Amino acid sequence: MLEKLISHRLIDLFIRVGLIGFLVIYCYQIFKPFIGLMLWSVILAVAFHPMHASLARRMGDKQGRAATVLVLAILLCVLVPTALLAVSFADSATDLVRQVRDGSLKVPAPRAFVAEWPLLGDKLYALWSAAHEDIGSVAARFEPKIRTVTKEILGYAASAGSAVLKFMVSLVLAGVWMAYASSGHAAARAIANRMAGPGQGDALVRLSTTTIRAVAQGVIGIACIQALLLGAGFILVGVPAAGVLALLVLLLGIMQVPALLISLPTVIYVFMTDDSTIVAIMFAIYTIVAGSVDNILKPFMLGRGVDAPMPVILLGALGGMATGGIIGLFLGSVMLALGYQLFMAWVYDDTGLGGSRATGGQESRDSPLE
């Protein structure tokens, strides 16, 4: 009789677990197309919430109105430069094609020292000289490669347009989350308490939010500052396609790749084409200073207000970027910070030390999750 009862209960349990598993898998398949947008919207809501809270206080605690104003302002700041950049890029490309076809494109003559460069100096000097004398014949010789590169550039442009559209939709959703920030925060605390145990949810939510904001300021914010500084320098000295170069600096900064890949060729171009050596030297110094901004600000921005050492946040951002793209920049840093805190909590609870430890250069006597 007992065996029969156990057998019935096991069958009952398997059926329930199977139904729950089927429901979870089916819900995941339905929600899968929106996961990226939802993650981005939550990240944007967390990153912009301090601005939203400050704006709401000034507007008489009107959460919805403050969220609407903030979202519209951000959309305006994103759409206007994007539209101007797209128009400038299209005009530049059209003008370049026209000049190549009618032979009016003038390529400056190479300096003599170009031929002395190791490995590629002679070939580069010969190609540059040919382009200076007759750009049309050089373009005709490399037409297949130019077509291939053009198709790839158009593909990247389409991807960039799609990314901007997704960002706009995510930002609108983020505005909804910010308008209901109080209930959202309470739900996040309840979920975290359920997962980590009573009393631990607040610390997990706080760590997640501070990490997202630190990465937004320390990676994306610094990349924007660096792109603006270098872009302003490019415009002042008259570098062609300065907006496109500034955008490339921004993307490289987000990917944690040195801006030197863009600034060094630009400095070389200015030295070779500008008549004033003083202007070229001043531009080189300015470029070096602007390119070093991330090295100065990043240690302060990434570690500010986060209960985890700065190297943990930086490694999480880099690893997440390598595995999951830009969204992995945030998810990787949050997950590694949470893992670090959980591991340290386990270590000090297990040894019974009471939690005296160093976190981000500061001593703390509390358990990491309390």
Protein backbone atom coordinates (compact mmCIF):
# COMPACT_ATOMS: atom_id res chain seq x y z
CA MET A 1 0.00 0.00 0.00
CA LEU A 2 2.84 2.34 0.91
CA GLU A 3 4.67 1.56 -2.33
CA LYS A 4 1.50 2.28 -4.29
CA LEU A 5 1.06 5.63 -2.54
CA ILE A 6 4.70 6.61 -3.20
CA SER A 7 4.35 5.55 -6.82
CA HIS A 8 1.21 7.67 -7.27
CA ARG A 9 2.91 10.68 -5.67
CA LEU A 10 5.99 10.29 -7.86
CA ILE A 11 3.83 10.10 -10.97
CA ASP A 12 1.93 13.15 -9.74
CA LEU A 13 5.21 15.00 -9.16
CA PHE A 14 6.62 14.08 -12.58
CA ILE A 15 3.44 15.25 -14.30
CA ARG A 16 3.48 18.58 -12.45
CA VAL A 17 7.19 19.14 -13.11
CA GLY A 18 6.67 18.23 -16.77
CA LEU A 19 3.78 20.66 -17.11
CA ILE A 20 5.75 23.42 -15.40
CA GLY A 21 8.76 22.71 -17.62
CA PHE A 22 6.55 22.78 -20.73
CA LEU A 23 5.03 26.09 -19.60
CA VAL A 24 8.46 27.61 -18.91
CA ILE A 25 9.87 26.51 -22.28
CA TYR A 26 6.78 27.71 -24.16
CA CYS A 27 6.85 31.08 -22.38
CA TYR A 28 10.55 31.40 -23.18
CA GLN A 29 9.93 30.72 -26.88
CA ILE A 30 7.21 33.39 -26.95
CA PHE A 31 9.33 35.92 -25.06
CA LYS A 32 12.62 35.12 -26.85
CA PRO A 33 12.30 37.78 -29.63
CA PHE A 34 11.90 40.49 -26.98
CA ILE A 35 14.66 39.48 -24.55
CA GLY A 36 17.23 41.84 -26.06
CA LEU A 37 14.86 44.81 -26.03
CA MET A 38 13.74 44.09 -22.47
CA LEU A 39 17.29 43.75 -21.17
CA TRP A 40 18.32 46.97 -22.89
CA SER A 41 15.26 48.80 -21.54
CA VAL A 42 15.97 47.66 -17.97
CA ILE A 43 19.64 48.67 -18.28
CA LEU A 44 18.69 52.09 -19.67
CA ALA A 45 16.05 52.58 -16.97
CA VAL A 46 18.55 51.79 -14.21
CA ALA A 47 21.24 54.00 -15.78
CA PHE A 48 18.95 57.02 -16.30
CA HIS A 49 16.86 56.67 -13.13
CA PRO A 50 18.88 59.20 -11.07
CA MET A 51 18.22 61.84 -13.75
CA HIS A 52 14.55 60.83 -13.83
CA ALA A 53 14.22 61.05 -10.03
CA SER A 54 15.82 64.51 -9.97
CA LEU A 55 13.55 65.71 -12.78
CA ALA A 56 10.46 64.24 -11.11
CA ARG A 57 11.20 66.12 -7.87
CA ARG A 58 11.38 69.39 -9.78
CA MET A 59 8.09 68.61 -11.57
CA GLY A 60 6.09 68.01 -8.41
CA ASP A 61 6.68 64.24 -8.23
CA LYS A 62 5.03 63.66 -11.64
CA GLN A 63 6.75 60.37 -12.49
CA GLY A 64 5.09 59.80 -15.86
CA ARG A 65 5.59 63.37 -17.04
CA ALA A 66 9.24 63.36 -15.96
CA ALA A 67 9.85 60.06 -17.76
CA THR A 68 8.25 61.41 -20.94
CA VAL A 69 10.34 64.60 -20.90
CA LEU A 70 13.56 62.67 -20.23
CA VAL A 71 12.91 60.11 -22.97
CA LEU A 72 12.06 62.83 -25.51
CA ALA A 73 15.21 64.77 -24.58
CA ILE A 74 17.42 61.68 -24.96
CA LEU A 75 15.76 60.75 -28.26
CA LEU A 76 16.39 64.27 -29.51
CA CYS A 77 20.05 64.07 -28.46
CA VAL A 78 20.42 60.74 -30.27
CA LEU A 79 18.34 61.33 -33.40
CA VAL A 80 19.67 64.77 -34.37
CA PRO A 81 23.39 63.80 -34.42
CA THR A 82 22.54 60.47 -36.05
CA ALA A 83 20.53 62.15 -38.81
CA LEU A 84 23.23 64.79 -39.36
CA LEU A 85 25.92 62.10 -39.47
CA ALA A 86 23.91 60.01 -41.95
CA VAL A 87 23.30 63.01 -44.21
CA SER A 88 26.95 64.06 -43.99
CA PHE A 89 28.13 60.53 -44.77
CA ALA A 90 25.77 60.20 -47.74
CA ASP A 91 26.78 63.61 -49.13
CA SER A 92 30.49 62.83 -48.70
CA ALA A 93 30.13 59.44 -50.41
CA THR A 94 28.14 60.92 -53.30
CA ASP A 95 30.62 63.76 -53.74
CA LEU A 96 33.57 61.34 -53.63
CA VAL A 97 32.04 59.10 -56.32
CA ARG A 98 31.30 62.13 -58.51
CA GLN A 99 34.83 63.48 -58.17
CA VAL A 100 36.37 60.10 -59.01
CA ARG A 101 34.19 59.73 -62.10
CA ASP A 102 34.86 63.19 -63.54
CA GLY A 103 38.53 63.20 -62.50
CA SER A 104 38.26 66.29 -60.31
CA LEU A 105 39.40 64.51 -57.15
CA LYS A 106 42.82 65.78 -56.16
CA VAL A 107 45.04 63.53 -54.05
CA PRO A 108 47.98 65.40 -52.46
CA ALA A 109 51.44 64.28 -53.55
CA PRO A 110 53.26 62.00 -51.09
CA ARG A 111 56.22 63.28 -49.14
CA ALA A 112 59.63 61.82 -49.98
CA PHE A 113 60.06 60.15 -46.58
CA VAL A 114 57.07 57.86 -47.27
CA ALA A 115 59.28 55.79 -49.58
CA GLU A 116 61.69 55.24 -46.68
CA TRP A 117 59.11 53.54 -44.49
CA PRO A 118 60.01 49.89 -43.81
CA LEU A 119 58.25 46.99 -45.57
CA LEU A 120 55.53 48.89 -47.48
CA GLY A 121 57.19 52.25 -48.09
CA ASP A 122 58.10 51.78 -51.77
CA LYS A 123 54.77 50.23 -52.77
CA LEU A 124 52.77 52.80 -50.84
CA TYR A 125 54.76 55.66 -52.38
CA ALA A 126 54.23 54.28 -55.89
CA LEU A 127 50.49 53.78 -55.36
CA TRP A 128 50.10 57.19 -53.76
CA SER A 129 51.99 58.84 -56.64
CA ALA A 130 49.79 57.06 -59.18
CA ALA A 131 46.68 58.24 -57.36
CA HIS A 132 48.07 61.78 -57.32
CA GLU A 133 48.65 61.71 -61.08
CA ASP A 134 45.48 59.88 -62.16
CA ILE A 135 43.00 58.82 -59.50
CA GLY A 136 40.59 57.46 -62.12
CA SER A 137 42.95 54.75 -63.37
CA VAL A 138 43.80 53.69 -59.81
CA ALA A 139 40.10 53.48 -58.93
CA ALA A 140 39.44 51.41 -62.07
CA ARG A 141 42.28 49.04 -61.16
CA PHE A 142 40.87 48.40 -57.68
CA GLU A 143 37.18 48.56 -58.67
CA PRO A 144 36.30 44.96 -57.59
CA LYS A 145 37.81 45.50 -54.15
CA ILE A 146 36.16 48.90 -53.86
CA ARG A 147 32.78 47.34 -54.66
CA THR A 148 33.31 44.65 -52.00
CA VAL A 149 34.32 47.20 -49.37
CA THR A 150 31.37 49.42 -50.32
CA LYS A 151 28.93 46.53 -49.84
CA GLU A 152 30.43 45.78 -46.44
CA ILE A 153 30.17 49.44 -45.43
CA LEU A 154 26.52 49.54 -46.52
CA GLY A 155 25.89 46.38 -44.49
CA TYR A 156 27.46 47.99 -41.43
CA ALA A 157 25.38 51.12 -42.02
CA ALA A 158 22.19 49.03 -42.16
CA SER A 159 23.19 47.27 -38.93
CA ALA A 160 23.86 50.64 -37.31
CA GLY A 161 20.44 51.87 -38.40
CA SER A 162 18.82 48.76 -36.95
CA ALA A 163 20.74 49.27 -33.69
CA VAL A 164 19.56 52.88 -33.46
CA LEU A 165 15.95 51.76 -34.01
CA LYS A 166 16.26 49.10 -31.29
CA PHE A 167 17.78 51.70 -28.97
CA MET A 168 14.82 54.02 -29.54
CA VAL A 169 12.30 51.26 -28.77
CA SER A 170 14.29 50.21 -25.69
CA LEU A 171 14.42 53.82 -24.52
CA VAL A 172 10.63 54.16 -24.81
CA LEU A 173 10.23 50.98 -22.74
CA ALA A 174 12.78 52.33 -20.26
CA GLY A 175 10.57 55.40 -19.87
CA VAL A 176 7.69 53.11 -18.85
CA TRP A 177 9.91 51.34 -16.29
CA MET A 178 11.07 54.69 -14.88
CA ALA A 179 7.50 55.92 -14.57
CA TYR A 180 6.74 52.87 -12.39
CA ALA A 181 10.13 52.78 -10.67
CA SER A 182 8.78 52.29 -7.14
CA SER A 183 6.73 49.20 -7.94
CA GLY A 184 9.52 47.87 -10.15
CA HIS A 185 12.06 48.26 -7.35
CA ALA A 186 9.75 46.49 -4.91
CA ALA A 187 9.27 43.61 -7.38
CA ALA A 188 13.04 43.35 -7.92
CA ARG A 189 13.62 43.21 -4.16
CA ALA A 190 10.96 40.52 -3.74
CA ILE A 191 12.48 38.39 -6.51
CA ALA A 192 16.00 38.86 -5.12
CA ASN A 193 14.83 37.96 -1.60
CA ARG A 194 13.19 34.85 -2.96
CA MET A 195 16.37 33.83 -4.77
CA ALA A 196 19.01 34.79 -2.17
CA GLY A 197 17.01 34.40 1.02
CA PRO A 198 15.19 36.84 3.32
CA GLY A 199 17.10 40.04 3.99
CA GLN A 200 19.61 39.56 1.17
CA GLY A 201 17.57 40.94 -1.73
CA ASP A 202 18.25 44.61 -0.96
CA ALA A 203 22.02 44.10 -1.20
CA LEU A 204 21.73 42.21 -4.49
CA VAL A 205 19.48 44.86 -6.06
CA ARG A 206 21.71 47.66 -4.81
CA LEU A 207 24.84 45.96 -6.15
CA SER A 208 23.21 45.36 -9.55
CA THR A 209 22.02 48.95 -9.94
CA THR A 210 25.30 50.54 -8.82
CA THR A 211 27.27 48.25 -11.13
CA ILE A 212 25.11 49.11 -14.16
CA ARG A 213 25.47 52.82 -13.45
CA ALA A 214 29.21 52.52 -12.89
CA VAL A 215 29.67 50.74 -16.22
CA ALA A 216 27.42 53.26 -18.00
CA GLN A 217 29.48 56.14 -16.63
CA GLY A 218 32.90 54.48 -16.68
CA VAL A 219 32.72 52.89 -20.13
CA ILE A 220 30.05 54.48 -22.30
CA GLY A 221 30.23 57.92 -20.66
CA ILE A 222 34.01 58.14 -20.99
CA ALA A 223 33.82 56.85 -24.58
CA CYS A 224 31.37 59.66 -25.41
CA ILE A 225 33.64 62.27 -23.79
CA GLN A 226 36.65 60.96 -25.68
CA ALA A 227 34.76 60.90 -28.99
CA LEU A 228 33.57 64.49 -28.49
CA LEU A 229 37.07 65.73 -27.64
CA LEU A 230 38.77 63.97 -30.55
CA GLY A 231 35.92 64.84 -32.93
CA ALA A 232 36.25 68.53 -32.03
CA GLY A 233 39.98 68.33 -32.77
CA PHE A 234 39.33 66.62 -36.11
CA ILE A 235 36.89 69.35 -37.10
CA LEU A 236 39.20 72.20 -36.05
CA VAL A 237 42.10 70.99 -38.21
CA GLY A 238 39.82 70.13 -41.13
CA VAL A 239 40.21 66.34 -41.18
CA PRO A 240 37.88 64.81 -43.81
CA ALA A 241 34.92 62.78 -42.49
CA ALA A 242 35.51 64.04 -38.93
CA GLY A 243 32.05 62.89 -37.80
CA VAL A 244 32.62 59.35 -39.05
CA LEU A 245 36.02 59.23 -37.33
CA ALA A 246 34.47 60.47 -34.07
CA LEU A 247 31.82 57.76 -34.33
CA LEU A 248 34.54 55.14 -34.82
CA VAL A 249 36.33 56.48 -31.73
CA LEU A 250 33.07 56.11 -29.78
CA LEU A 251 32.58 52.52 -30.91
CA LEU A 252 36.20 51.62 -30.17
CA GLY A 253 35.89 53.21 -26.72
CA ILE A 254 32.80 51.15 -25.92
CA MET A 255 34.63 48.02 -27.09
CA GLN A 256 37.60 49.01 -24.88
CA VAL A 257 39.90 49.32 -27.89
CA PRO A 258 42.42 52.22 -27.75
CA ALA A 259 41.44 55.31 -29.74
CA LEU A 260 45.04 55.31 -30.98
CA LEU A 261 43.86 53.18 -33.92
CA ILE A 262 42.01 56.25 -35.22
CA SER A 263 44.02 59.13 -33.78
CA LEU A 264 47.48 57.96 -34.90
CA PRO A 265 46.64 57.73 -38.65
CA THR A 266 44.84 61.06 -38.32
CA VAL A 267 47.92 62.72 -36.80
CA ILE A 268 50.09 61.25 -39.58
CA TYR A 269 47.63 62.57 -42.18
CA VAL A 270 47.74 66.07 -40.66
CA PHE A 271 51.55 66.08 -40.59
CA MET A 272 51.67 65.04 -44.25
CA THR A 273 49.02 67.40 -45.60
CA ASP A 274 49.05 70.49 -43.36
CA ASP A 275 51.37 73.33 -44.35
CA SER A 276 51.84 74.52 -40.77
CA THR A 277 54.11 72.33 -38.65
CA ILE A 278 53.07 74.18 -35.48
CA VAL A 279 49.40 73.33 -36.07
CA ALA A 280 50.28 69.69 -36.66
CA ILE A 281 52.37 69.52 -33.45
CA MET A 282 49.62 71.19 -31.40
CA PHE A 283 47.05 68.79 -32.87
CA ALA A 284 49.29 65.82 -32.00
CA ILE A 285 49.63 67.02 -28.38
CA TYR A 286 45.88 67.64 -28.12
CA THR A 287 45.16 64.18 -29.55
CA ILE A 288 47.48 62.51 -27.03
CA VAL A 289 45.82 64.33 -24.13
CA ALA A 290 42.28 63.61 -25.37
CA GLY A 291 43.17 59.98 -26.01
CA SER A 292 44.41 59.59 -22.43
CA VAL A 293 41.12 60.69 -20.86
CA ASP A 294 39.89 57.12 -20.40
CA ASN A 295 43.07 56.07 -18.57
CA ILE A 296 42.60 58.92 -16.09
CA LEU A 297 38.84 58.78 -15.49
CA LYS A 298 38.06 55.07 -15.79
CA PRO A 299 39.53 53.94 -12.42
CA PHE A 300 37.46 56.58 -10.62
CA MET A 301 34.22 56.03 -12.53
CA LEU A 302 34.14 52.23 -12.54
CA GLY A 303 34.78 51.80 -8.82
CA ARG A 304 32.58 54.63 -7.55
CA GLY A 305 29.78 53.48 -5.25
CA VAL A 306 30.13 49.77 -6.09
CA ASP A 307 30.72 47.16 -3.36
CA ALA A 308 33.21 45.31 -5.53
CA PRO A 309 36.79 46.08 -6.56
CA MET A 310 37.26 48.03 -9.78
CA PRO A 311 39.22 45.19 -11.49
CA VAL A 312 36.24 42.87 -10.98
CA ILE A 313 33.91 45.34 -12.71
CA LEU A 314 36.40 45.97 -15.52
CA LEU A 315 37.06 42.26 -16.12
CA GLY A 316 33.32 41.57 -16.12
CA ALA A 317 32.73 44.35 -18.64
CA LEU A 318 35.54 43.17 -20.93
CA GLY A 319 34.57 39.49 -20.72
CA GLY A 320 30.90 40.27 -21.22
CA MET A 321 31.72 42.45 -24.21
CA ALA A 322 33.76 39.64 -25.76
CA THR A 323 31.02 37.05 -25.30
CA GLY A 324 27.77 39.01 -25.58
CA GLY A 325 28.44 42.26 -27.42
CA ILE A 326 27.54 45.65 -26.00
CA ILE A 327 24.75 44.27 -23.82
CA GLY A 328 27.28 41.83 -22.36
CA LEU A 329 29.25 44.86 -21.21
CA PHE A 330 26.61 45.38 -18.52
CA LEU A 331 25.52 41.80 -17.91
CA GLY A 332 29.10 40.57 -17.56
CA SER A 333 30.04 43.21 -15.00
CA VAL A 334 26.83 42.68 -13.00
CA MET A 335 27.17 38.89 -12.98
CA LEU A 336 30.85 38.96 -12.02
CA ALA A 337 30.18 41.50 -9.25
CA LEU A 338 27.31 39.39 -7.90
CA GLY A 339 29.44 36.25 -8.12
CA TYR A 340 32.28 38.00 -6.29
CA GLN A 341 29.99 39.16 -3.49
CA LEU A 342 28.32 35.76 -3.13
CA PHE A 343 31.70 34.05 -3.04
CA MET A 344 33.06 36.45 -0.41
CA ALA A 345 29.88 36.04 1.66
CA TRP A 346 30.31 32.26 1.52
CA VAL A 347 34.01 32.53 2.47
CA TYR A 348 33.44 34.70 5.55
CA ASP A 349 30.30 32.90 6.67
CA ASP A 350 32.13 29.58 6.32
CA THR A 351 35.20 30.68 8.29
CA GLY A 352 33.19 32.55 10.88
CA LEU A 353 35.37 35.63 10.65
CA GLY A 354 32.43 37.97 10.83
CA GLY A 355 33.25 39.57 7.51
CA SER A 356 36.27 41.82 8.07
CA ARG A 357 37.49 42.40 4.53
CA ALA A 358 38.56 44.98 2.00
CA THR A 359 36.12 45.90 -0.73
CA GLY A 360 37.26 48.29 -3.41
CA GLY A 361 39.97 49.66 -1.15
CA GLN A 362 37.65 50.21 1.87
CA GLU A 363 37.42 48.11 5.02
CA SER A 364 34.03 46.62 5.90
CA ARG A 365 33.07 44.52 8.92
CA ASP A 366 29.71 43.44 7.56
CA SER A 367 28.89 40.43 5.46
CA PRO A 368 29.01 41.38 1.77
CA LEU A 369 25.29 40.81 1.32
CA GLU A 370 23.97 42.36 4.50
